[in-house]
Amino acid sequence: MTGLERTINFIKGERVDHPPFHPIIMRWAAKYAGVKYSKFCTDPYAKCNAMILCAKDFGIDWVTVMSDPWAEATAFGIQVEYPEDNLPLDIGGHIPDAVTASLVKHYNPLENSRCLNRLTEIKEFRKQVGDELFIVGWVEGPIAEYVDLRRASSASVDFLLEPEAVEKTLDIIVECAMEFIHFQIKAGAHCIGIGDAFCSQIGPELYQHFAINRQRKLVEQIHSEGALAKLHICGNTESILNRMIQTGADIIDIDHMVPSLGSFVSLLGRNQVFSGKSDPVSVIQDGTSEMIIQSAHSDFKQSKGRCIISAGCEITPGTSNDNLHTFKSAAETLLTNFG
């Protein structure tokens, strides 16, 4: 069974040999492949080769374009620096106030190098792995992108004091993301991830007001073009998890900070699943084999068999090869109850 078949069938509730294995690998993948992180972020062929190498060597069922949150931000004018072997840094170009942000211009993803790289990556994945692996494109969610444009502290004030201006900006962000989604699916993505990490920081009322309908709009766009949708929000999302499910995303990422999945399983739609939620540091990086296996089994049991095996967020570059192999082995020992 291919990684694509395993993932699609699992989401549909059909029989699979074991749940899909979808660890989020970015810095870890670059390190394993011997690629400097600046090149991993900016060279689409280096990223694709690294991701495919890791998928083959560790039995990973997906490949993604994930590396950093700055692709669309650069299209909006944020200046980004790429240290040779560290995370990219935003160094300028931030919008000075909420009203100015509401006048931001739509960008053309075909005229920005980082966005074009993402399309190249998806095409290269399709060329090299075809329908063997689950290929996931990516867009920043509206809240996360607004924070990128204004910085976290200023954005947080805007949400409270300038809601009308914020909403105008969020709508522009969504319109641009919808166009970018179209090009990524056209390039060959089976799924589009929506990364909206800052939503875990704004509370359920602001999430309801600013985020849920806009995330739902992105999900509907993805579905209308024949792809699946994945929603990724880091942190403790327990207070908004019911609303995250309501976006209609097919895959809902769960961070390790969420205490339990048990009370949310019944809210899932027929073709929705969770993904997560092992702690990437204390368990996957630093834990024993027994801890890694127990964590994967616990998450799967809590979800009543409706959870893709993954850590709650990115696998750290300090994680050993042996521990990632153990994580994969844990997924292979889990039998689904479908079919």
C-alpha atoms as a PDB file:
ATOM      1  CA  MET A   1       0.000   0.000   0.000  1.00  0.00           C
ATOM      2  CA  THR A   2       1.423   3.382  -0.972  1.00  0.00           C
ATOM      3  CA  GLY A   3       1.592   6.329   1.396  1.00  0.00           C
ATOM      4  CA  LEU A   4      -1.036   8.101  -0.683  1.00  0.00           C
ATOM      5  CA  GLU A   5      -3.401   5.131  -0.619  1.00  0.00           C
ATOM      6  CA  ARG A   6      -2.887   4.604   3.096  1.00  0.00           C
ATOM      7  CA  THR A   7      -3.626   8.255   3.859  1.00  0.00           C
ATOM      8  CA  ILE A   8      -6.659   8.632   1.595  1.00  0.00           C
ATOM      9  CA  ASN A   9      -8.208   5.344   2.698  1.00  0.00           C
ATOM     10  CA  PHE A  10      -7.599   6.123   6.363  1.00  0.00           C
ATOM     11  CA  ILE A  11      -9.319   9.508   6.084  1.00  0.00           C
ATOM     12  CA  LYS A  12     -12.271   7.865   4.323  1.00  0.00           C
ATOM     13  CA  GLY A  13     -12.552   5.274   7.067  1.00  0.00           C
ATOM     14  CA  GLU A  14     -11.595   2.430   4.767  1.00  0.00           C
ATOM     15  CA  ARG A  15      -9.339  -0.506   5.541  1.00  0.00           C
ATOM     16  CA  VAL A  16      -5.612   0.150   5.802  1.00  0.00           C
ATOM     17  CA  ASP A  17      -2.717  -1.963   7.052  1.00  0.00           C
ATOM     18  CA  HIS A  18      -1.828   0.618   9.721  1.00  0.00           C
ATOM     19  CA  PRO A  19      -2.432   4.349  10.295  1.00  0.00           C
ATOM     20  CA  PRO A  20      -0.433   6.777   8.160  1.00  0.00           C
ATOM     21  CA  PHE A  21       2.877   8.108   9.481  1.00  0.00           C
ATOM     22  CA  HIS A  22       3.132  11.889   8.980  1.00  0.00           C
ATOM     23  CA  PRO A  23       5.902  13.380  11.157  1.00  0.00           C
ATOM     24  CA  ILE A  24       6.508  17.062  10.425  1.00  0.00           C
ATOM     25  CA  ILE A  25      10.141  17.204   9.325  1.00  0.00           C
ATOM     26  CA  MET A  26      11.840  20.437   8.291  1.00  0.00           C
ATOM     27  CA  ARG A  27      15.113  21.194  10.099  1.00  0.00           C
ATOM     28  CA  TRP A  28      15.398  17.476  10.836  1.00  0.00           C
ATOM     29  CA  ALA A  29      15.076  16.630   7.129  1.00  0.00           C
ATOM     30  CA  ALA A  30      17.691  19.196   6.136  1.00  0.00           C
ATOM     31  CA  LYS A  31      20.105  17.891   8.757  1.00  0.00           C
ATOM     32  CA  TYR A  32      19.583  14.250   7.754  1.00  0.00           C
ATOM     33  CA  ALA A  33      20.140  15.090   4.086  1.00  0.00           C
ATOM     34  CA  GLY A  34      23.199  17.240   4.807  1.00  0.00           C
ATOM     35  CA  VAL A  35      21.615  20.412   3.420  1.00  0.00           C
ATOM     36  CA  LYS A  36      22.152  23.865   4.942  1.00  0.00           C
ATOM     37  CA  TYR A  37      18.830  25.244   6.109  1.00  0.00           C
ATOM     38  CA  SER A  38      19.059  28.397   4.004  1.00  0.00           C
ATOM     39  CA  LYS A  39      19.280  26.172   0.930  1.00  0.00           C
ATOM     40  CA  PHE A  40      16.475  23.934   2.190  1.00  0.00           C
ATOM     41  CA  CYS A  41      14.213  27.014   2.407  1.00  0.00           C
ATOM     42  CA  THR A  42      15.186  28.630  -0.891  1.00  0.00           C
ATOM     43  CA  ASP A  43      16.209  25.794  -3.240  1.00  0.00           C
ATOM     44  CA  PRO A  44      13.149  23.734  -4.223  1.00  0.00           C
ATOM     45  CA  TYR A  45      15.191  20.817  -5.533  1.00  0.00           C
ATOM     46  CA  ALA A  46      17.270  20.580  -2.352  1.00  0.00           C
ATOM     47  CA  LYS A  47      14.092  20.520  -0.266  1.00  0.00           C
ATOM     48  CA  CYS A  48      12.376  17.925  -2.437  1.00  0.00           C
ATOM     49  CA  ASN A  49      15.387  15.625  -2.508  1.00  0.00           C
ATOM     50  CA  ALA A  50      15.745  15.862   1.276  1.00  0.00           C
ATOM     51  CA  MET A  51      12.068  15.168   1.910  1.00  0.00           C
ATOM     52  CA  ILE A  52      11.971  12.210  -0.459  1.00  0.00           C
ATOM     53  CA  LEU A  53      15.151  10.747   1.010  1.00  0.00           C
ATOM     54  CA  CYS A  54      13.642  10.901   4.509  1.00  0.00           C
ATOM     55  CA  ALA A  55      10.348   9.424   3.328  1.00  0.00           C
ATOM     56  CA  LYS A  56      12.125   6.451   1.768  1.00  0.00           C
ATOM     57  CA  ASP A  57      14.592   5.852   4.597  1.00  0.00           C
ATOM     58  CA  PHE A  58      12.048   6.166   7.426  1.00  0.00           C
ATOM     59  CA  GLY A  59       8.823   4.911   5.849  1.00  0.00           C
ATOM     60  CA  ILE A  60       7.097   8.303   5.941  1.00  0.00           C
ATOM     61  CA  ASP A  61       3.812   8.446   4.029  1.00  0.00           C
ATOM     62  CA  TRP A  62       3.854  12.092   3.006  1.00  0.00           C
ATOM     63  CA  VAL A  63       6.046  14.868   1.633  1.00  0.00           C
ATOM     64  CA  THR A  64       5.406  18.566   2.192  1.00  0.00           C
ATOM     65  CA  VAL A  65       6.625  21.985   1.101  1.00  0.00           C
ATOM     66  CA  MET A  66       6.956  23.107   4.747  1.00  0.00           C
ATOM     67  CA  SER A  67      10.094  24.926   5.855  1.00  0.00           C
ATOM     68  CA  ASP A  68       9.177  28.360   7.265  1.00  0.00           C
ATOM     69  CA  PRO A  69       6.210  30.772   7.330  1.00  0.00           C
ATOM     70  CA  TRP A  70       7.691  33.534   5.189  1.00  0.00           C
ATOM     71  CA  ALA A  71       6.778  32.662   1.588  1.00  0.00           C
ATOM     72  CA  GLU A  72       3.567  34.708   1.375  1.00  0.00           C
ATOM     73  CA  ALA A  73       4.985  37.314   3.745  1.00  0.00           C
ATOM     74  CA  THR A  74       7.769  38.094   1.285  1.00  0.00           C
ATOM     75  CA  ALA A  75       5.121  38.500  -1.418  1.00  0.00           C
ATOM     76  CA  PHE A  76       3.433  41.081   0.831  1.00  0.00           C
ATOM     77  CA  GLY A  77       6.746  42.929   1.255  1.00  0.00           C
ATOM     78  CA  ILE A  78       8.290  41.502   4.419  1.00  0.00           C
ATOM     79  CA  GLN A  79      12.077  41.365   4.200  1.00  0.00           C
ATOM     80  CA  VAL A  80      13.549  38.007   5.199  1.00  0.00           C
ATOM     81  CA  GLU A  81      17.118  36.973   5.905  1.00  0.00           C
ATOM     82  CA  TYR A  82      18.225  33.351   5.534  1.00  0.00           C
ATOM     83  CA  PRO A  83      21.087  32.417   7.901  1.00  0.00           C
ATOM     84  CA  GLU A  84      23.112  29.570   6.460  1.00  0.00           C
ATOM     85  CA  ASP A  85      22.038  26.949   8.958  1.00  0.00           C
ATOM     86  CA  ASN A  86      19.308  28.450  11.115  1.00  0.00           C
ATOM     87  CA  LEU A  87      15.700  29.560  10.891  1.00  0.00           C
ATOM     88  CA  PRO A  88      14.878  32.479   8.565  1.00  0.00           C
ATOM     89  CA  LEU A  89      14.481  35.899  10.188  1.00  0.00           C
ATOM     90  CA  ASP A  90      12.101  38.713   9.305  1.00  0.00           C
ATOM     91  CA  ILE A  91      14.220  41.831   9.317  1.00  0.00           C
ATOM     92  CA  GLY A  92      11.950  44.566   7.992  1.00  0.00           C
ATOM     93  CA  GLY A  93       9.025  45.688   5.900  1.00  0.00           C
ATOM     94  CA  HIS A  94       6.401  45.313   8.628  1.00  0.00           C
ATOM     95  CA  ILE A  95       3.245  47.350   8.155  1.00  0.00           C
ATOM     96  CA  PRO A  96       3.165  50.272  10.635  1.00  0.00           C
ATOM     97  CA  ASP A  97      -0.503  50.256  11.676  1.00  0.00           C
ATOM     98  CA  ALA A  98      -3.797  48.423  11.222  1.00  0.00           C
ATOM     99  CA  VAL A  99      -5.322  50.959   8.822  1.00  0.00           C
ATOM    100  CA  THR A 100      -2.301  50.821   6.514  1.00  0.00           C
ATOM    101  CA  ALA A 101      -2.467  47.030   6.685  1.00  0.00           C
ATOM    102  CA  SER A 102      -6.063  47.147   5.465  1.00  0.00           C
ATOM    103  CA  LEU A 103      -4.790  48.787   2.255  1.00  0.00           C
ATOM    104  CA  VAL A 104      -2.206  46.098   1.519  1.00  0.00           C
ATOM    105  CA  LYS A 105      -2.022  45.128  -2.133  1.00  0.00           C
ATOM    106  CA  HIS A 106      -2.907  41.717  -3.479  1.00  0.00           C
ATOM    107  CA  TYR A 107       0.197  39.812  -4.526  1.00  0.00           C
ATOM    108  CA  ASN A 108       0.658  37.592  -7.559  1.00  0.00           C
ATOM    109  CA  PRO A 109       2.123  34.221  -6.482  1.00  0.00           C
ATOM    110  CA  LEU A 110       3.552  33.797  -9.973  1.00  0.00           C
ATOM    111  CA  GLU A 111       5.701  36.900  -9.510  1.00  0.00           C
ATOM    112  CA  ASN A 112       7.278  36.022  -6.141  1.00  0.00           C
ATOM    113  CA  SER A 113      10.283  33.709  -5.951  1.00  0.00           C
ATOM    114  CA  ARG A 114       9.290  31.979  -2.706  1.00  0.00           C
ATOM    115  CA  CYS A 115       5.767  31.277  -3.968  1.00  0.00           C
ATOM    116  CA  LEU A 116       7.093  30.077  -7.307  1.00  0.00           C
ATOM    117  CA  ASN A 117       9.492  27.782  -5.447  1.00  0.00           C
ATOM    118  CA  ARG A 118       6.539  26.182  -3.701  1.00  0.00           C
ATOM    119  CA  LEU A 119       4.880  25.421  -7.032  1.00  0.00           C
ATOM    120  CA  THR A 120       8.168  24.014  -8.322  1.00  0.00           C
ATOM    121  CA  GLU A 121       8.433  21.799  -5.239  1.00  0.00           C
ATOM    122  CA  ILE A 122       4.987  20.325  -5.775  1.00  0.00           C
ATOM    123  CA  LYS A 123       5.719  19.662  -9.441  1.00  0.00           C
ATOM    124  CA  GLU A 124       9.040  18.042  -8.503  1.00  0.00           C
ATOM    125  CA  PHE A 125       7.342  15.849  -5.915  1.00  0.00           C
ATOM    126  CA  ARG A 126       4.846  14.689  -8.529  1.00  0.00           C
ATOM    127  CA  LYS A 127       7.672  14.039 -10.973  1.00  0.00           C
ATOM    128  CA  GLN A 128       9.720  11.988  -8.501  1.00  0.00           C
ATOM    129  CA  VAL A 129       7.070  10.166  -6.432  1.00  0.00           C
ATOM    130  CA  GLY A 130       3.887  10.543  -8.467  1.00  0.00           C
ATOM    131  CA  ASP A 131       1.034   9.032  -6.494  1.00  0.00           C
ATOM    132  CA  GLU A 132       3.301   7.004  -4.206  1.00  0.00           C
ATOM    133  CA  LEU A 133       3.310   9.584  -1.396  1.00  0.00           C
ATOM    134  CA  PHE A 134       0.733  12.064  -0.080  1.00  0.00           C
ATOM    135  CA  ILE A 135       1.885  15.468  -1.402  1.00  0.00           C
ATOM    136  CA  VAL A 136       0.936  18.440   0.778  1.00  0.00           C
ATOM    137  CA  GLY A 137       1.154  22.082  -0.264  1.00  0.00           C
ATOM    138  CA  TRP A 138       0.783  24.944   2.199  1.00  0.00           C
ATOM    139  CA  VAL A 139      -0.626  28.405   2.848  1.00  0.00           C
ATOM    140  CA  GLU A 140      -0.460  30.582   5.933  1.00  0.00           C
ATOM    141  CA  GLY A 141      -3.807  31.037   7.636  1.00  0.00           C
ATOM    142  CA  PRO A 142      -5.281  34.528   7.953  1.00  0.00           C
ATOM    143  CA  ILE A 143      -4.369  35.126  11.606  1.00  0.00           C
ATOM    144  CA  ALA A 144      -0.815  33.842  11.231  1.00  0.00           C
ATOM    145  CA  GLU A 145      -0.248  35.935   8.124  1.00  0.00           C
ATOM    146  CA  TYR A 146      -1.605  39.066   9.778  1.00  0.00           C
ATOM    147  CA  VAL A 147       0.830  38.499  12.649  1.00  0.00           C
ATOM    148  CA  ASP A 148       3.659  38.108  10.116  1.00  0.00           C
ATOM    149  CA  LEU A 149       2.760  41.472   8.604  1.00  0.00           C
ATOM    150  CA  ARG A 150       2.289  43.409  11.848  1.00  0.00           C
ATOM    151  CA  ARG A 151       4.336  41.408  14.420  1.00  0.00           C
ATOM    152  CA  ALA A 152       2.675  39.563  17.283  1.00  0.00           C
ATOM    153  CA  SER A 153       2.441  42.376  19.861  1.00  0.00           C
ATOM    154  CA  SER A 154       1.004  44.927  17.422  1.00  0.00           C
ATOM    155  CA  ALA A 155      -1.384  42.406  15.900  1.00  0.00           C
ATOM    156  CA  SER A 156      -2.700  41.456  19.342  1.00  0.00           C
ATOM    157  CA  VAL A 157      -3.570  45.090  20.047  1.00  0.00           C
ATOM    158  CA  ASP A 158      -5.166  45.432  16.606  1.00  0.00           C
ATOM    159  CA  PHE A 159      -7.501  42.491  17.261  1.00  0.00           C
ATOM    160  CA  LEU A 160      -8.932  44.349  20.244  1.00  0.00           C
ATOM    161  CA  LEU A 161      -8.808  48.014  19.163  1.00  0.00           C
ATOM    162  CA  GLU A 162      -8.992  47.982  15.356  1.00  0.00           C
ATOM    163  CA  PRO A 163     -11.256  45.028  14.460  1.00  0.00           C
ATOM    164  CA  GLU A 164     -12.744  46.591  11.306  1.00  0.00           C
ATOM    165  CA  ALA A 165      -9.327  47.327   9.808  1.00  0.00           C
ATOM    166  CA  VAL A 166      -8.131  43.861  10.782  1.00  0.00           C
ATOM    167  CA  GLU A 167     -11.067  42.219   9.028  1.00  0.00           C
ATOM    168  CA  LYS A 168     -10.333  44.084   5.795  1.00  0.00           C
ATOM    169  CA  THR A 169      -6.747  42.873   5.883  1.00  0.00           C
ATOM    170  CA  LEU A 170      -7.772  39.310   6.713  1.00  0.00           C
ATOM    171  CA  ASP A 171     -10.099  39.256   3.717  1.00  0.00           C
ATOM    172  CA  ILE A 172      -7.264  40.328   1.415  1.00  0.00           C
ATOM    173  CA  ILE A 173      -5.023  37.646   2.911  1.00  0.00           C
ATOM    174  CA  VAL A 174      -7.700  35.013   2.284  1.00  0.00           C
ATOM    175  CA  GLU A 175      -8.259  36.137  -1.297  1.00  0.00           C
ATOM    176  CA  CYS A 176      -4.538  35.861  -2.003  1.00  0.00           C
ATOM    177  CA  ALA A 177      -4.345  32.471  -0.267  1.00  0.00           C
ATOM    178  CA  MET A 178      -7.219  31.172  -2.378  1.00  0.00           C
ATOM    179  CA  GLU A 179      -5.362  32.051  -5.563  1.00  0.00           C
ATOM    180  CA  PHE A 180      -2.177  30.462  -4.219  1.00  0.00           C
ATOM    181  CA  ILE A 181      -4.165  27.344  -3.278  1.00  0.00           C
ATOM    182  CA  HIS A 182      -5.447  27.112  -6.837  1.00  0.00           C
ATOM    183  CA  PHE A 183      -1.955  27.138  -8.310  1.00  0.00           C
ATOM    184  CA  GLN A 184      -0.657  24.571  -5.806  1.00  0.00           C
ATOM    185  CA  ILE A 185      -3.468  22.121  -6.528  1.00  0.00           C
ATOM    186  CA  LYS A 186      -3.015  22.687 -10.247  1.00  0.00           C
ATOM    187  CA  ALA A 187       0.691  21.865  -9.764  1.00  0.00           C
ATOM    188  CA  GLY A 188      -0.262  18.491  -8.285  1.00  0.00           C
ATOM    189  CA  ALA A 189      -0.824  18.783  -4.515  1.00  0.00           C
ATOM    190  CA  HIS A 190      -3.121  16.131  -3.043  1.00  0.00           C
ATOM    191  CA  CYS A 191      -3.722  18.286   0.024  1.00  0.00           C
ATOM    192  CA  ILE A 192      -3.178  21.851   1.188  1.00  0.00           C
ATOM    193  CA  GLY A 193      -2.151  22.593   4.753  1.00  0.00           C
ATOM    194  CA  ILE A 194      -3.337  25.780   6.431  1.00  0.00           C
ATOM    195  CA  GLY A 195      -0.901  26.952   9.100  1.00  0.00           C
ATOM    196  CA  ASP A 196      -2.566  29.335  11.562  1.00  0.00           C
ATOM    197  CA  ALA A 197      -0.446  28.901  14.675  1.00  0.00           C
ATOM    198  CA  PHE A 198      -1.276  32.171  16.454  1.00  0.00           C
ATOM    199  CA  CYS A 199      -4.925  31.136  16.775  1.00  0.00           C
ATOM    200  CA  SER A 200      -4.050  29.221  19.934  1.00  0.00           C
ATOM    201  CA  GLN A 201      -3.099  32.563  21.513  1.00  0.00           C
ATOM    202  CA  ILE A 202      -6.234  34.600  20.838  1.00  0.00           C
ATOM    203  CA  GLY A 203      -8.933  32.631  22.686  1.00  0.00           C
ATOM    204  CA  PRO A 204     -12.252  31.197  21.486  1.00  0.00           C
ATOM    205  CA  GLU A 205     -14.133  34.497  21.113  1.00  0.00           C
ATOM    206  CA  LEU A 206     -11.592  36.113  18.793  1.00  0.00           C
ATOM    207  CA  TYR A 207     -11.103  32.800  16.976  1.00  0.00           C
ATOM    208  CA  GLN A 208     -14.847  32.694  16.332  1.00  0.00           C
ATOM    209  CA  HIS A 209     -14.929  36.334  15.244  1.00  0.00           C
ATOM    210  CA  PHE A 210     -11.844  36.513  13.019  1.00  0.00           C
ATOM    211  CA  ALA A 211     -10.707  33.032  12.041  1.00  0.00           C
ATOM    212  CA  ILE A 212     -13.218  30.226  11.743  1.00  0.00           C
ATOM    213  CA  ASN A 213     -15.224  31.495   8.764  1.00  0.00           C
ATOM    214  CA  ARG A 214     -12.093  32.499   6.885  1.00  0.00           C
ATOM    215  CA  GLN A 215     -10.445  29.139   7.520  1.00  0.00           C
ATOM    216  CA  ARG A 216     -13.685  27.463   6.432  1.00  0.00           C
ATOM    217  CA  LYS A 217     -13.589  29.503   3.221  1.00  0.00           C
ATOM    218  CA  LEU A 218     -10.079  28.229   2.482  1.00  0.00           C
ATOM    219  CA  VAL A 219     -11.156  24.648   3.190  1.00  0.00           C
ATOM    220  CA  GLU A 220     -14.124  25.019   0.851  1.00  0.00           C
ATOM    221  CA  GLN A 221     -11.830  26.362  -1.858  1.00  0.00           C
ATOM    222  CA  ILE A 222      -9.499  23.394  -1.432  1.00  0.00           C
ATOM    223  CA  HIS A 223     -12.378  20.915  -1.585  1.00  0.00           C
ATOM    224  CA  SER A 224     -13.903  22.616  -4.630  1.00  0.00           C
ATOM    225  CA  GLU A 225     -10.674  21.936  -6.524  1.00  0.00           C
ATOM    226  CA  GLY A 226     -10.606  18.261  -5.583  1.00  0.00           C
ATOM    227  CA  ALA A 227      -7.943  18.269  -2.858  1.00  0.00           C
ATOM    228  CA  LEU A 228      -7.984  17.600   0.879  1.00  0.00           C
ATOM    229  CA  ALA A 229      -7.408  20.198   3.603  1.00  0.00           C
ATOM    230  CA  LYS A 230      -5.227  20.063   6.717  1.00  0.00           C
ATOM    231  CA  LEU A 231      -5.470  22.609   9.561  1.00  0.00           C
ATOM    232  CA  HIS A 232      -2.386  23.129  11.714  1.00  0.00           C
ATOM    233  CA  ILE A 233      -2.546  25.268  14.858  1.00  0.00           C
ATOM    234  CA  CYS A 234       0.281  24.856  17.382  1.00  0.00           C
ATOM    235  CA  GLY A 235      -0.176  25.113  21.129  1.00  0.00           C
ATOM    236  CA  ASN A 236      -3.031  24.187  23.437  1.00  0.00           C
ATOM    237  CA  THR A 237      -6.081  24.368  21.171  1.00  0.00           C
ATOM    238  CA  GLU A 238      -8.464  22.621  23.576  1.00  0.00           C
ATOM    239  CA  SER A 239     -10.668  25.733  23.880  1.00  0.00           C
ATOM    240  CA  ILE A 240     -11.071  26.090  20.100  1.00  0.00           C
ATOM    241  CA  LEU A 241     -10.792  22.467  18.960  1.00  0.00           C
ATOM    242  CA  ASN A 242     -14.532  22.072  18.471  1.00  0.00           C
ATOM    243  CA  ARG A 243     -14.456  25.097  16.158  1.00  0.00           C
ATOM    244  CA  MET A 244     -11.379  23.817  14.309  1.00  0.00           C
ATOM    245  CA  ILE A 245     -13.333  20.674  13.495  1.00  0.00           C
ATOM    246  CA  GLN A 246     -16.199  22.858  12.248  1.00  0.00           C
ATOM    247  CA  THR A 247     -13.948  24.342   9.544  1.00  0.00           C
ATOM    248  CA  GLY A 248     -14.415  21.055   7.678  1.00  0.00           C
ATOM    249  CA  ALA A 249     -10.690  20.373   7.341  1.00  0.00           C
ATOM    250  CA  ASP A 250     -10.056  16.703   6.621  1.00  0.00           C
ATOM    251  CA  ILE A 251      -6.987  16.532   8.888  1.00  0.00           C
ATOM    252  CA  ILE A 252      -6.911  18.413  12.197  1.00  0.00           C
ATOM    253  CA  ASP A 253      -3.423  18.663  13.727  1.00  0.00           C
ATOM    254  CA  ILE A 254      -3.298  18.317  17.510  1.00  0.00           C
ATOM    255  CA  ASP A 255      -0.345  19.568  19.557  1.00  0.00           C
ATOM    256  CA  HIS A 256       0.864  17.676  22.617  1.00  0.00           C
ATOM    257  CA  MET A 257      -0.395  20.488  24.858  1.00  0.00           C
ATOM    258  CA  VAL A 258      -4.001  19.402  24.242  1.00  0.00           C
ATOM    259  CA  PRO A 259      -4.733  17.177  27.274  1.00  0.00           C
ATOM    260  CA  SER A 260      -6.870  14.555  25.546  1.00  0.00           C
ATOM    261  CA  LEU A 261      -8.621  13.779  22.275  1.00  0.00           C
ATOM    262  CA  GLY A 262     -11.308  11.637  23.853  1.00  0.00           C
ATOM    263  CA  SER A 263     -14.045  14.242  24.289  1.00  0.00           C
ATOM    264  CA  PHE A 264     -13.633  15.571  20.729  1.00  0.00           C
ATOM    265  CA  VAL A 265     -13.760  12.373  18.688  1.00  0.00           C
ATOM    266  CA  SER A 266     -17.547  12.383  18.480  1.00  0.00           C
ATOM    267  CA  LEU A 267     -17.421  15.840  16.857  1.00  0.00           C
ATOM    268  CA  LEU A 268     -15.446  14.616  13.856  1.00  0.00           C
ATOM    269  CA  GLY A 269     -17.264  14.378  10.555  1.00  0.00           C
ATOM    270  CA  ARG A 270     -17.374  11.120   8.649  1.00  0.00           C
ATOM    271  CA  ASN A 271     -14.183  11.870   6.684  1.00  0.00           C
ATOM    272  CA  GLN A 272     -12.234  13.830   9.278  1.00  0.00           C
ATOM    273  CA  VAL A 273      -9.269  12.618  11.322  1.00  0.00           C
ATOM    274  CA  PHE A 274      -6.805  14.008  13.831  1.00  0.00           C
ATOM    275  CA  SER A 275      -3.020  14.051  13.403  1.00  0.00           C
ATOM    276  CA  GLY A 276      -0.659  14.074  16.374  1.00  0.00           C
ATOM    277  CA  LYS A 277      -0.028  14.458  19.249  1.00  0.00           C
ATOM    278  CA  SER A 278       3.227  13.122  20.693  1.00  0.00           C
ATOM    279  CA  ASP A 279       5.505  15.660  22.389  1.00  0.00           C
ATOM    280  CA  PRO A 280       8.346  16.252  19.898  1.00  0.00           C
ATOM    281  CA  VAL A 281      10.894  17.052  22.622  1.00  0.00           C
ATOM    282  CA  SER A 282      10.226  15.074  25.800  1.00  0.00           C
ATOM    283  CA  VAL A 283       8.970  12.001  23.938  1.00  0.00           C
ATOM    284  CA  ILE A 284      10.261  11.813  20.366  1.00  0.00           C
ATOM    285  CA  GLN A 285      13.626  13.509  20.907  1.00  0.00           C
ATOM    286  CA  ASP A 286      14.450  12.571  24.500  1.00  0.00           C
ATOM    287  CA  GLY A 287      12.204   9.613  25.256  1.00  0.00           C
ATOM    288  CA  THR A 288      12.975   5.909  25.405  1.00  0.00           C
ATOM    289  CA  SER A 289      11.608   3.471  22.838  1.00  0.00           C
ATOM    290  CA  GLU A 290       8.945   2.475  25.333  1.00  0.00           C
ATOM    291  CA  MET A 291       7.857   6.091  25.818  1.00  0.00           C
ATOM    292  CA  ILE A 292       7.600   6.696  22.073  1.00  0.00           C
ATOM    293  CA  ILE A 293       5.541   3.565  21.494  1.00  0.00           C
ATOM    294  CA  GLN A 294       3.296   4.269  24.475  1.00  0.00           C
ATOM    295  CA  SER A 295       2.652   7.826  23.298  1.00  0.00           C
ATOM    296  CA  ALA A 296       1.631   6.765  19.797  1.00  0.00           C
ATOM    297  CA  HIS A 297      -0.605   4.026  21.159  1.00  0.00           C
ATOM    298  CA  SER A 298      -2.198   6.379  23.703  1.00  0.00           C
ATOM    299  CA  ASP A 299      -3.033   9.016  21.076  1.00  0.00           C
ATOM    300  CA  PHE A 300      -4.499   6.386  18.780  1.00  0.00           C
ATOM    301  CA  LYS A 301      -6.596   4.921  21.577  1.00  0.00           C
ATOM    302  CA  GLN A 302      -7.861   8.348  22.682  1.00  0.00           C
ATOM    303  CA  SER A 303      -8.933   9.079  19.112  1.00  0.00           C
ATOM    304  CA  LYS A 304     -10.695   5.699  18.810  1.00  0.00           C
ATOM    305  CA  GLY A 305      -8.526   4.849  15.846  1.00  0.00           C
ATOM    306  CA  ARG A 306      -8.976   8.171  14.029  1.00  0.00           C
ATOM    307  CA  CYS A 307      -5.507   9.720  14.353  1.00  0.00           C
ATOM    308  CA  ILE A 308      -2.631   9.886  11.902  1.00  0.00           C
ATOM    309  CA  ILE A 309       0.606   9.155  13.753  1.00  0.00           C
ATOM    310  CA  SER A 310       2.669  12.314  14.148  1.00  0.00           C
ATOM    311  CA  ALA A 311       4.194  14.544  16.773  1.00  0.00           C
ATOM    312  CA  GLY A 312       2.237  17.599  17.836  1.00  0.00           C
ATOM    313  CA  CYS A 313       4.610  19.815  15.887  1.00  0.00           C
ATOM    314  CA  GLU A 314       7.979  19.700  14.126  1.00  0.00           C
ATOM    315  CA  ILE A 315      10.418  16.862  14.798  1.00  0.00           C
ATOM    316  CA  THR A 316      13.455  18.556  16.329  1.00  0.00           C
ATOM    317  CA  PRO A 317      16.855  18.410  14.611  1.00  0.00           C
ATOM    318  CA  GLY A 318      18.202  16.823  17.808  1.00  0.00           C
ATOM    319  CA  THR A 319      16.030  13.718  17.360  1.00  0.00           C
ATOM    320  CA  SER A 320      18.054  10.591  16.678  1.00  0.00           C
ATOM    321  CA  ASN A 321      17.521   8.372  13.662  1.00  0.00           C
ATOM    322  CA  ASP A 322      16.775   5.475  16.002  1.00  0.00           C
ATOM    323  CA  ASN A 323      13.985   7.378  17.728  1.00  0.00           C
ATOM    324  CA  LEU A 324      12.325   8.271  14.441  1.00  0.00           C
ATOM    325  CA  HIS A 325      12.567   4.644  13.319  1.00  0.00           C
ATOM    326  CA  THR A 326      10.936   3.662  16.609  1.00  0.00           C
ATOM    327  CA  PHE A 327       8.156   6.195  16.012  1.00  0.00           C
ATOM    328  CA  LYS A 328       7.514   4.606  12.607  1.00  0.00           C
ATOM    329  CA  SER A 329       7.537   1.133  14.157  1.00  0.00           C
ATOM    330  CA  ALA A 330       4.928   2.296  16.664  1.00  0.00           C
ATOM    331  CA  ALA A 331       2.626   3.292  13.794  1.00  0.00           C
ATOM    332  CA  GLU A 332       3.106  -0.085  12.127  1.00  0.00           C
ATOM    333  CA  THR A 333       1.983  -1.964  15.242  1.00  0.00           C
ATOM    334  CA  LEU A 334      -1.360  -0.177  15.365  1.00  0.00           C
ATOM    335  CA  LEU A 335      -4.266  -1.936  13.716  1.00  0.00           C
ATOM    336  CA  THR A 336      -7.244   0.092  12.566  1.00  0.00           C
ATOM    337  CA  ASN A 337     -10.805  -0.862  13.258  1.00  0.00           C
ATOM    338  CA  PHE A 338     -12.064   0.186   9.849  1.00  0.00           C
ATOM    339  CA  GLY A 339     -13.328  -2.059   7.096  1.00  0.00           C
END
